[in-house]
Amino acid sequence: MFLIAKIVRGRRLLHELEQREKNQAAAAALEAAHSITQVSRRLAARHQQMSGDVAENADEVKTNQKTERRKSGRRKTHTGGSVDLSLNSTDRLSIRRTSSMPSLCDGVPRPMVSPLKHYNYDDKLNRLQRRALRFTWHRLHTRNGGKRVENVFEEVYDRLIKVLPSLKDIFTTRMFLCAMSRNETASLRDHARVTVKMLDLALKSIDVENSKREDTGSPLDPKIIGRAHGLLRPYGLTGQHWEKLGEIIIDVVLAQEAVRDLPGAGQAWVIFTACLVDQMRAGFDECRGTNQGLTKRNTVLHNATKHLYDLVNIEIKLCTPNHRKIVFDN
């Protein structure tokens, strides 16, 4: 009985998803028709303006021809003969301008822009899985038992700290704050917010054309995020931490009410999370060879900061009243 109710509920959710997609398609078609009408109006107005300009230019050409004829007639009567004031045929052809003449812009080479290499989610996810991802992501924001999506991913990072206690030092010690002083994302809550934004942008770019995608090359690109964390390699961050993060994301997300009610959504989230982790780890591994000098410098800063921190602790201990009393008694 429970299984039948679950199947009926899943079918109802799929029906809601199909109805919402139809409404979105109708709205998109209406917007496209509106934009087409606006473009046609602009073209008509531009055509009228160009026709008016052409008429004005024709009138100016006629008046110029009349004035030239009058001047040439006066020159003939003044000299008593015809004077050829025109250029020879070769010079005339050399300065003649026709429609086939290349403009100056044709000689300027255009810069070659290398196209961005987009991550292809279509090879990993089929159409139904992509629909399930979009639908459950919307439900995580609206119908998840009153739990906000940011709280869901805060739970992810809380579990990550419990499973890997060594990461707690990276988030809380002075060495981590020195390394991340130029970055606003430092706390667990900040990381949860950025993760939500990254997932939102990636899901919006799944069924979008490559020319309209905004995720590749942006600060929320998973590969760029992984590359930015390459500077934390001297502080103990490794590629295994990315794998563990992906496992915990899957465990937490699949346990949510908004995801477990839809059949097939769990498998879609597993594949999608694996794609994100692969991109973040690829960027993290790329930073290994390019930041060797930065790694040495950060190691020196790490040791210097630790030494300074130890000296400050020794001075604090010497300034305590109990320690002074012991020193004076001796």
Protein backbone atom coordinates (compact mmCIF):
# COMPACT_ATOMS: atom_id res chain seq x y z
CA MET A 1 0.00 0.00 0.00
CA PHE A 2 2.83 2.36 0.86
CA LEU A 3 4.55 1.55 -2.44
CA ILE A 4 1.37 2.28 -4.44
CA ALA A 5 0.92 5.61 -2.66
CA LYS A 6 4.53 6.51 -3.38
CA ILE A 7 4.13 5.66 -7.09
CA VAL A 8 0.94 7.72 -7.31
CA ARG A 9 2.68 10.64 -5.64
CA GLY A 10 5.62 10.36 -8.02
CA ARG A 11 3.30 10.41 -11.02
CA ARG A 12 1.54 13.46 -9.64
CA LEU A 13 4.87 15.24 -9.23
CA LEU A 14 5.85 14.38 -12.80
CA HIS A 15 2.51 15.72 -14.03
CA GLU A 16 3.13 18.97 -12.15
CA LEU A 17 6.60 19.18 -13.69
CA GLU A 18 5.25 18.69 -17.22
CA GLN A 19 2.54 21.32 -16.68
CA ARG A 20 5.09 23.82 -15.39
CA GLU A 21 7.38 23.20 -18.38
CA LYS A 22 4.45 23.77 -20.75
CA ASN A 23 3.69 27.07 -19.05
CA GLN A 24 7.34 28.10 -19.29
CA ALA A 25 7.43 27.19 -23.00
CA ALA A 26 4.28 29.23 -23.67
CA ALA A 27 5.72 32.21 -21.80
CA ALA A 28 8.98 31.90 -23.75
CA ALA A 29 7.08 31.78 -27.07
CA LEU A 30 5.07 34.86 -26.10
CA GLU A 31 8.22 36.72 -25.15
CA ALA A 32 9.90 35.71 -28.43
CA ALA A 33 6.92 36.97 -30.44
CA HIS A 34 7.00 40.25 -28.53
CA SER A 35 10.72 40.66 -29.20
CA ILE A 36 10.21 39.91 -32.90
CA THR A 37 7.57 42.63 -33.18
CA GLN A 38 9.86 45.10 -31.46
CA VAL A 39 12.72 44.24 -33.83
CA SER A 40 10.46 44.62 -36.87
CA ARG A 41 9.34 48.04 -35.67
CA ARG A 42 12.92 49.14 -35.17
CA LEU A 43 13.88 47.93 -38.66
CA ALA A 44 10.94 49.77 -40.22
CA ALA A 45 11.86 52.99 -38.43
CA ARG A 46 15.48 52.61 -39.48
CA HIS A 47 14.44 51.98 -43.09
CA GLN A 48 12.35 55.16 -43.13
CA GLN A 49 15.22 57.14 -41.67
CA MET A 50 17.66 55.75 -44.25
CA SER A 51 15.27 56.52 -47.13
CA GLY A 52 14.96 60.11 -45.89
CA ASP A 53 18.74 60.42 -45.70
CA VAL A 54 19.11 59.06 -49.24
CA ALA A 55 16.62 61.64 -50.57
CA GLU A 56 18.48 64.45 -48.83
CA ASN A 57 21.80 63.23 -50.27
CA ALA A 58 20.31 63.10 -53.77
CA ASP A 59 19.14 66.71 -53.48
CA GLU A 60 22.58 67.77 -52.30
CA VAL A 61 24.23 65.99 -55.25
CA LYS A 62 21.93 67.76 -57.72
CA THR A 63 22.67 71.18 -56.27
CA ASN A 64 26.42 70.48 -56.33
CA GLN A 65 26.26 69.45 -59.99
CA LYS A 66 24.43 72.67 -60.89
CA THR A 67 27.02 74.83 -59.13
CA GLU A 68 29.87 72.97 -60.85
CA ARG A 69 28.30 73.53 -64.25
CA ARG A 70 27.94 77.24 -63.58
CA LYS A 71 31.58 77.52 -62.48
CA SER A 72 32.85 75.65 -65.55
CA GLY A 73 30.77 77.90 -67.84
CA ARG A 74 32.24 81.02 -66.24
CA ARG A 75 35.80 79.65 -66.67
CA LYS A 76 35.19 78.95 -70.36
CA THR A 77 33.88 82.47 -71.07
CA HIS A 78 36.75 84.00 -69.12
CA THR A 79 39.59 82.19 -70.91
CA GLY A 80 37.99 82.11 -74.36
CA GLY A 81 38.51 78.37 -74.68
CA SER A 82 37.85 75.14 -72.97
CA VAL A 83 40.21 74.19 -70.19
CA ASP A 84 40.46 70.53 -69.12
CA LEU A 85 40.48 70.74 -65.36
CA SER A 86 39.81 67.04 -64.89
CA LEU A 87 42.46 64.50 -63.93
CA ASN A 88 43.77 61.90 -66.29
CA SER A 89 42.17 58.49 -66.46
CA THR A 90 44.80 56.66 -64.34
CA ASP A 91 44.60 59.17 -61.47
CA ARG A 92 40.85 59.16 -61.67
CA LEU A 93 40.68 55.38 -61.31
CA SER A 94 43.17 55.44 -58.46
CA ILE A 95 40.99 57.67 -56.29
CA ARG A 96 37.63 56.47 -57.49
CA ARG A 97 35.42 55.00 -54.78
CA THR A 98 32.97 52.28 -55.66
CA SER A 99 30.97 49.76 -53.72
CA SER A 100 33.56 47.07 -54.51
CA MET A 101 36.37 49.04 -52.90
CA PRO A 102 37.57 47.50 -49.63
CA SER A 103 37.30 49.67 -46.55
CA LEU A 104 40.07 50.36 -44.08
CA CYS A 105 38.51 47.99 -41.59
CA ASP A 106 39.04 45.07 -43.97
CA GLY A 107 42.78 45.33 -43.60
CA VAL A 108 42.72 45.24 -39.82
CA PRO A 109 43.08 41.65 -38.58
CA ARG A 110 40.45 40.64 -36.08
CA PRO A 111 41.67 39.11 -32.84
CA MET A 112 41.13 35.37 -32.61
CA VAL A 113 39.13 34.57 -29.48
CA SER A 114 39.58 31.01 -28.27
CA PRO A 115 36.17 29.47 -27.52
CA LEU A 116 35.46 28.38 -23.98
CA LYS A 117 35.37 24.66 -23.38
CA HIS A 118 32.04 23.95 -21.73
CA TYR A 119 31.45 20.89 -19.60
CA ASN A 120 29.01 18.60 -21.40
CA TYR A 121 26.36 17.42 -18.94
CA ASP A 122 24.34 15.79 -21.75
CA ASP A 123 26.83 12.92 -21.96
CA LYS A 124 26.23 12.05 -18.31
CA LEU A 125 22.54 12.88 -17.77
CA ASN A 126 19.55 11.93 -19.89
CA ARG A 127 16.49 14.10 -20.42
CA LEU A 128 14.43 12.65 -17.56
CA GLN A 129 17.32 12.99 -15.11
CA ARG A 130 17.81 16.63 -16.06
CA ARG A 131 14.10 17.28 -15.52
CA ALA A 132 14.24 15.52 -12.15
CA LEU A 133 17.22 17.67 -11.09
CA ARG A 134 15.49 20.92 -11.98
CA PHE A 135 12.24 19.85 -10.32
CA THR A 136 13.83 18.68 -7.05
CA TRP A 137 16.06 21.76 -6.92
CA HIS A 138 12.96 23.93 -7.12
CA ARG A 139 11.32 21.86 -4.36
CA LEU A 140 14.41 22.21 -2.17
CA HIS A 141 13.78 25.95 -2.24
CA THR A 142 10.02 25.79 -1.71
CA ARG A 143 8.78 22.46 -0.29
CA ASN A 144 11.37 20.84 1.92
CA GLY A 145 9.60 20.64 5.24
CA GLY A 146 10.32 24.25 6.12
CA LYS A 147 14.10 23.81 5.81
CA ARG A 148 16.01 26.39 3.76
CA VAL A 149 18.38 25.13 1.09
CA GLU A 150 21.27 27.03 2.71
CA ASN A 151 20.67 25.09 5.94
CA VAL A 152 20.86 21.84 3.99
CA PHE A 153 24.37 22.61 2.76
CA GLU A 154 25.44 23.98 6.13
CA GLU A 155 24.64 20.49 7.38
CA VAL A 156 26.90 19.15 4.61
CA TYR A 157 29.92 21.12 5.86
CA ASP A 158 29.15 20.33 9.50
CA ARG A 159 29.28 16.62 8.66
CA LEU A 160 32.46 17.15 6.66
CA ILE A 161 34.17 18.68 9.69
CA LYS A 162 33.02 15.78 11.88
CA VAL A 163 34.23 13.16 9.41
CA LEU A 164 37.54 14.97 8.71
CA PRO A 165 38.57 16.84 11.88
CA SER A 166 41.78 18.00 10.19
CA LEU A 167 39.73 20.41 8.07
CA LYS A 168 38.68 22.27 11.19
CA ASP A 169 42.19 23.70 11.50
CA ILE A 170 42.01 24.97 7.91
CA PHE A 171 38.82 26.85 8.69
CA THR A 172 39.71 28.24 12.12
CA THR A 173 43.46 28.70 12.61
CA ARG A 174 45.44 31.87 11.97
CA MET A 175 47.30 30.25 9.09
CA PHE A 176 44.06 29.76 7.16
CA LEU A 177 42.96 33.34 7.81
CA CYS A 178 46.31 34.61 6.52
CA ALA A 179 45.96 32.55 3.35
CA MET A 180 42.36 33.61 2.73
CA SER A 181 42.64 37.25 3.79
CA ARG A 182 41.87 38.42 0.24
CA ASN A 183 38.82 36.20 -0.09
CA GLU A 184 35.40 36.86 1.41
CA THR A 185 34.53 33.14 1.57
CA ALA A 186 36.06 31.81 4.76
CA SER A 187 33.53 30.34 7.19
CA LEU A 188 31.44 27.20 6.86
CA ARG A 189 28.32 29.27 6.28
CA ASP A 190 30.03 31.21 3.47
CA HIS A 191 31.02 27.95 1.81
CA ALA A 192 27.43 26.69 2.06
CA ARG A 193 26.12 29.86 0.37
CA VAL A 194 28.65 29.63 -2.46
CA THR A 195 27.84 25.94 -2.97
CA VAL A 196 24.14 26.79 -3.36
CA LYS A 197 24.96 29.50 -5.93
CA MET A 198 27.28 27.12 -7.82
CA LEU A 199 24.59 24.41 -7.99
CA ASP A 200 21.94 26.92 -9.05
CA LEU A 201 24.06 28.28 -11.92
CA ALA A 202 25.08 24.79 -13.07
CA LEU A 203 21.47 23.55 -13.12
CA LYS A 204 20.36 26.62 -15.08
CA SER A 205 23.07 25.94 -17.69
CA ILE A 206 22.29 22.26 -18.29
CA ASP A 207 19.82 22.68 -21.19
CA VAL A 208 21.14 26.03 -22.44
CA GLU A 209 23.03 26.51 -25.71
CA ASN A 210 26.79 26.87 -25.42
CA SER A 211 26.65 30.44 -26.72
CA LYS A 212 24.27 31.42 -23.89
CA ARG A 213 25.91 29.56 -21.01
CA GLU A 214 27.14 31.72 -18.14
CA ASP A 215 28.70 29.12 -15.86
CA THR A 216 31.92 28.42 -17.76
CA GLY A 217 34.65 30.89 -16.84
CA SER A 218 32.60 32.59 -14.13
CA PRO A 219 33.68 32.77 -10.45
CA LEU A 220 31.10 30.03 -9.76
CA ASP A 221 32.61 27.64 -12.32
CA PRO A 222 33.44 24.41 -10.39
CA LYS A 223 36.80 24.15 -12.13
CA ILE A 224 37.77 27.70 -11.16
CA ILE A 225 36.61 27.10 -7.58
CA GLY A 226 38.83 24.03 -7.38
CA ARG A 227 41.74 25.97 -8.89
CA ALA A 228 41.33 28.72 -6.28
CA HIS A 229 41.65 26.14 -3.50
CA GLY A 230 45.01 24.96 -4.86
CA LEU A 231 46.72 27.55 -2.64
CA LEU A 232 45.53 25.59 0.41
CA ARG A 233 47.53 22.51 -0.53
CA PRO A 234 50.37 23.35 1.95
CA TYR A 235 47.79 23.49 4.73
CA GLY A 236 46.68 19.90 4.21
CA LEU A 237 43.96 20.11 1.55
CA THR A 238 44.13 17.14 -0.86
CA GLY A 239 42.10 15.66 -3.66
CA GLN A 240 40.53 13.13 -1.29
CA HIS A 241 38.75 15.94 0.51
CA TRP A 242 36.81 16.72 -2.68
CA GLU A 243 35.71 13.09 -2.95
CA LYS A 244 34.54 13.08 0.65
CA LEU A 245 32.65 16.34 0.07
CA GLY A 246 30.80 14.75 -2.85
CA GLU A 247 29.86 11.70 -0.78
CA ILE A 248 28.44 13.85 2.02
CA ILE A 249 26.50 16.05 -0.44
CA ILE A 250 24.86 12.91 -1.86
CA ASP A 251 24.02 11.55 1.62
CA VAL A 252 22.48 14.82 2.81
CA VAL A 253 20.59 15.76 -0.37
CA LEU A 254 19.12 12.30 -0.91
CA ALA A 255 17.78 12.34 2.65
CA GLN A 256 15.71 15.48 2.00
CA GLU A 257 11.95 15.21 1.60
CA ALA A 258 12.02 17.17 -1.65
CA VAL A 259 14.30 14.61 -3.33
CA ARG A 260 13.35 11.22 -1.93
CA ASP A 261 9.68 11.54 -3.01
CA LEU A 262 10.50 11.59 -6.73
CA PRO A 263 11.53 8.24 -8.28
CA GLY A 264 14.84 8.43 -10.14
CA ALA A 265 15.88 11.74 -8.59
CA GLY A 266 18.43 10.09 -6.31
CA GLN A 267 20.39 8.60 -9.22
CA ALA A 268 20.30 11.94 -11.05
CA TRP A 269 21.75 13.73 -8.01
CA VAL A 270 24.50 11.11 -7.68
CA ILE A 271 25.60 11.63 -11.30
CA PHE A 272 25.31 15.42 -11.13
CA THR A 273 27.34 15.63 -7.91
CA ALA A 274 30.01 13.38 -9.43
CA CYS A 275 30.26 15.77 -12.41
CA LEU A 276 30.76 18.77 -10.11
CA VAL A 277 33.37 16.97 -7.99
CA ASP A 278 35.28 15.91 -11.12
CA GLN A 279 35.45 19.52 -12.30
CA MET A 280 36.54 20.87 -8.90
CA ARG A 281 39.20 18.22 -8.50
CA ALA A 282 40.46 18.82 -12.06
CA GLY A 283 40.94 22.51 -11.30
CA PHE A 284 42.58 21.65 -7.99
CA ASP A 285 45.03 19.28 -9.71
CA GLU A 286 45.83 21.85 -12.42
CA CYS A 287 47.02 24.25 -9.73
CA ARG A 288 49.64 21.77 -8.54
CA GLY A 289 52.25 22.53 -11.20
CA THR A 290 51.59 26.25 -11.64
CA ASN A 291 51.78 27.27 -7.99
CA GLN A 292 55.00 25.66 -6.80
CA GLY A 293 56.54 29.06 -6.05
CA LEU A 294 53.41 30.14 -4.22
CA THR A 295 53.47 26.91 -2.25
CA LYS A 296 57.00 27.59 -1.01
CA ARG A 297 56.09 31.16 -0.10
CA ASN A 298 52.96 30.05 1.75
CA THR A 299 55.00 27.47 3.64
CA VAL A 300 57.36 30.21 4.80
CA LEU A 301 54.40 32.35 5.85
CA HIS A 302 52.94 29.36 7.66
CA ASN A 303 56.11 28.79 9.68
CA ALA A 304 56.60 32.51 10.39
CA THR A 305 53.00 32.92 11.54
CA LYS A 306 53.25 29.89 13.77
CA HIS A 307 56.48 31.16 15.31
CA LEU A 308 54.92 34.58 15.94
CA TYR A 309 51.86 32.95 17.45
CA ASP A 310 54.04 30.91 19.83
CA LEU A 311 55.93 34.04 20.92
CA VAL A 312 52.67 35.84 21.65
CA ASN A 313 51.47 32.93 23.76
CA ILE A 314 54.73 32.95 25.76
CA GLU A 315 54.40 36.69 26.42
CA ILE A 316 50.81 36.26 27.55
CA LYS A 317 51.83 33.54 29.97
CA LEU A 318 54.62 35.70 31.39
CA CYS A 319 52.19 38.58 31.97
CA THR A 320 49.69 36.54 34.00
CA PRO A 321 49.57 37.32 37.81
CA ASN A 322 50.14 33.72 38.87
CA HIS A 323 53.30 33.50 36.82
CA ARG A 324 54.58 36.80 38.27
CA LYS A 325 54.01 35.53 41.79
CA ILE A 326 55.98 32.38 41.06
CA VAL A 327 58.83 34.42 39.59
CA PHE A 328 58.96 36.81 42.59
CA ASP A 329 58.87 33.92 45.09
CA ASN A 330 61.86 32.37 43.41
